[in-house]
Amino acid sequence: MANVEKMTIALTPEMADFVRHAVETGQYASTSEAIREAVREWQERRDLLGYTVDELRVLVQKGIDSGPATPFDPESIDHEGRRLLKLVEARHD
């Protein structure tokens, strides 16, 4: 690891114990390695979501602005699905 930047971080006692335990049990060679792995996983999880915090805020506001949800009626959805399936099947006959 040729190019690293040293940082000072503050962890809760529980988090610090968790990291120390991971090193003591041989899961990681050092606390730095454990923290780097945690940051990599955090980064991957954020990348998988594909949204920035600001984009999520915009989406939440759009949901709020759209008003109350319409009632959910599973029976009418099932009925409409079966009706559409019959139409598709009729076209293939």
C-alpha atoms as a PDB file:
ATOM      1  CA  MET A   1       0.000   0.000   0.000  1.00  0.00           C
ATOM      2  CA  ALA A   2       2.225   2.762  -1.336  1.00  0.00           C
ATOM      3  CA  ASN A   3      -0.130   5.712  -1.153  1.00  0.00           C
ATOM      4  CA  VAL A   4      -2.099   6.079   2.103  1.00  0.00           C
ATOM      5  CA  GLU A   5      -3.426   8.973   4.097  1.00  0.00           C
ATOM      6  CA  LYS A   6      -3.465   8.746   7.861  1.00  0.00           C
ATOM      7  CA  MET A   7      -6.649   9.799   9.626  1.00  0.00           C
ATOM      8  CA  THR A   8      -7.814   9.925  13.187  1.00  0.00           C
ATOM      9  CA  ILE A   9     -11.302   8.542  13.753  1.00  0.00           C
ATOM     10  CA  ALA A  10     -13.558   8.326  16.782  1.00  0.00           C
ATOM     11  CA  LEU A  11     -15.551   5.156  17.448  1.00  0.00           C
ATOM     12  CA  THR A  12     -18.008   4.241  20.154  1.00  0.00           C
ATOM     13  CA  PRO A  13     -16.566   1.850  22.739  1.00  0.00           C
ATOM     14  CA  GLU A  14     -18.665  -0.964  21.246  1.00  0.00           C
ATOM     15  CA  MET A  15     -17.340  -0.311  17.741  1.00  0.00           C
ATOM     16  CA  ALA A  16     -13.760  -0.108  18.989  1.00  0.00           C
ATOM     17  CA  ASP A  17     -14.185  -3.421  20.858  1.00  0.00           C
ATOM     18  CA  PHE A  18     -15.625  -5.002  17.717  1.00  0.00           C
ATOM     19  CA  VAL A  19     -12.629  -3.898  15.621  1.00  0.00           C
ATOM     20  CA  ARG A  20     -10.130  -4.976  18.292  1.00  0.00           C
ATOM     21  CA  HIS A  21     -11.815  -8.373  18.586  1.00  0.00           C
ATOM     22  CA  ALA A  22     -11.639  -8.862  14.806  1.00  0.00           C
ATOM     23  CA  VAL A  23      -7.881  -8.210  14.928  1.00  0.00           C
ATOM     24  CA  GLU A  24      -7.294 -10.321  18.042  1.00  0.00           C
ATOM     25  CA  THR A  25      -9.092 -13.318  16.507  1.00  0.00           C
ATOM     26  CA  GLY A  26      -7.043 -13.066  13.318  1.00  0.00           C
ATOM     27  CA  GLN A  27      -9.829 -11.896  11.011  1.00  0.00           C
ATOM     28  CA  TYR A  28      -7.690  -8.863  10.170  1.00  0.00           C
ATOM     29  CA  ALA A  29      -3.973  -8.179  10.520  1.00  0.00           C
ATOM     30  CA  SER A  30      -4.507  -4.673  11.902  1.00  0.00           C
ATOM     31  CA  THR A  31      -7.179  -2.199  12.922  1.00  0.00           C
ATOM     32  CA  SER A  32      -6.361  -0.207   9.780  1.00  0.00           C
ATOM     33  CA  GLU A  33      -7.074  -3.247   7.615  1.00  0.00           C
ATOM     34  CA  ALA A  34     -10.403  -3.803   9.381  1.00  0.00           C
ATOM     35  CA  ILE A  35     -11.445  -0.164   8.935  1.00  0.00           C
ATOM     36  CA  ARG A  36     -10.384  -0.166   5.260  1.00  0.00           C
ATOM     37  CA  GLU A  37     -12.535  -3.246   4.675  1.00  0.00           C
ATOM     38  CA  ALA A  38     -15.490  -1.575   6.398  1.00  0.00           C
ATOM     39  CA  VAL A  39     -15.093   1.534   4.231  1.00  0.00           C
ATOM     40  CA  ARG A  40     -14.835  -0.616   1.065  1.00  0.00           C
ATOM     41  CA  GLU A  41     -18.058  -2.424   1.957  1.00  0.00           C
ATOM     42  CA  TRP A  42     -19.771   0.882   2.747  1.00  0.00           C
ATOM     43  CA  GLN A  43     -18.617   2.249  -0.612  1.00  0.00           C
ATOM     44  CA  GLU A  44     -19.831  -0.856  -2.480  1.00  0.00           C
ATOM     45  CA  ARG A  45     -23.226  -0.718  -0.777  1.00  0.00           C
ATOM     46  CA  ARG A  46     -23.646   2.952  -1.695  1.00  0.00           C
ATOM     47  CA  ASP A  47     -22.556   2.247  -5.284  1.00  0.00           C
ATOM     48  CA  LEU A  48     -25.049  -0.611  -5.575  1.00  0.00           C
ATOM     49  CA  LEU A  49     -27.923   1.631  -4.555  1.00  0.00           C
ATOM     50  CA  GLY A  50     -26.983   4.012  -7.339  1.00  0.00           C
ATOM     51  CA  TYR A  51     -28.365   7.085  -5.599  1.00  0.00           C
ATOM     52  CA  THR A  52     -26.693   9.956  -3.820  1.00  0.00           C
ATOM     53  CA  VAL A  53     -28.201  11.301  -0.616  1.00  0.00           C
ATOM     54  CA  ASP A  54     -29.437  14.377  -2.492  1.00  0.00           C
ATOM     55  CA  GLU A  55     -31.104  12.192  -5.147  1.00  0.00           C
ATOM     56  CA  LEU A  56     -32.827  10.158  -2.439  1.00  0.00           C
ATOM     57  CA  ARG A  57     -34.069  13.368  -0.798  1.00  0.00           C
ATOM     58  CA  VAL A  58     -35.567  14.470  -4.131  1.00  0.00           C
ATOM     59  CA  LEU A  59     -37.276  11.080  -4.566  1.00  0.00           C
ATOM     60  CA  VAL A  60     -38.689  11.194  -1.040  1.00  0.00           C
ATOM     61  CA  GLN A  61     -40.039  14.699  -1.631  1.00  0.00           C
ATOM     62  CA  LYS A  62     -41.653  13.585  -4.906  1.00  0.00           C
ATOM     63  CA  GLY A  63     -43.379  10.805  -2.991  1.00  0.00           C
ATOM     64  CA  ILE A  64     -44.624  13.231  -0.357  1.00  0.00           C
ATOM     65  CA  ASP A  65     -45.787  15.714  -2.998  1.00  0.00           C
ATOM     66  CA  SER A  66     -47.708  13.007  -4.896  1.00  0.00           C
ATOM     67  CA  GLY A  67     -50.226  12.810  -2.074  1.00  0.00           C
ATOM     68  CA  PRO A  68     -51.771   9.867  -0.283  1.00  0.00           C
ATOM     69  CA  ALA A  69     -51.539   6.409  -1.808  1.00  0.00           C
ATOM     70  CA  THR A  70     -54.586   4.920  -3.485  1.00  0.00           C
ATOM     71  CA  PRO A  71     -56.190   1.955  -1.738  1.00  0.00           C
ATOM     72  CA  PHE A  72     -54.685  -1.416  -2.621  1.00  0.00           C
ATOM     73  CA  ASP A  73     -57.224  -3.966  -3.826  1.00  0.00           C
ATOM     74  CA  PRO A  74     -55.536  -7.306  -4.555  1.00  0.00           C
ATOM     75  CA  GLU A  75     -58.757  -8.850  -5.867  1.00  0.00           C
ATOM     76  CA  SER A  76     -59.188  -6.249  -8.607  1.00  0.00           C
ATOM     77  CA  ILE A  77     -55.512  -6.599  -9.561  1.00  0.00           C
ATOM     78  CA  ASP A  78     -55.919 -10.390  -9.761  1.00  0.00           C
ATOM     79  CA  HIS A  79     -59.100  -9.994 -11.824  1.00  0.00           C
ATOM     80  CA  GLU A  80     -57.419  -7.561 -14.248  1.00  0.00           C
ATOM     81  CA  GLY A  81     -54.376  -9.833 -14.584  1.00  0.00           C
ATOM     82  CA  ARG A  82     -56.541 -12.838 -15.414  1.00  0.00           C
ATOM     83  CA  ARG A  83     -58.535 -10.755 -17.920  1.00  0.00           C
ATOM     84  CA  LEU A  84     -55.332  -9.646 -19.682  1.00  0.00           C
ATOM     85  CA  LEU A  85     -53.974 -13.199 -19.672  1.00  0.00           C
ATOM     86  CA  LYS A  86     -57.150 -14.447 -21.409  1.00  0.00           C
ATOM     87  CA  LEU A  87     -56.723 -11.730 -24.071  1.00  0.00           C
ATOM     88  CA  VAL A  88     -53.123 -12.741 -24.713  1.00  0.00           C
ATOM     89  CA  GLU A  89     -54.038 -16.428 -24.850  1.00  0.00           C
ATOM     90  CA  ALA A  90     -56.901 -15.687 -27.265  1.00  0.00           C
ATOM     91  CA  ARG A  91     -54.505 -13.929 -29.634  1.00  0.00           C
ATOM     92  CA  HIS A  92     -52.247 -16.987 -29.742  1.00  0.00           C
ATOM     93  CA  ASP A  93     -55.074 -19.417 -30.555  1.00  0.00           C
END
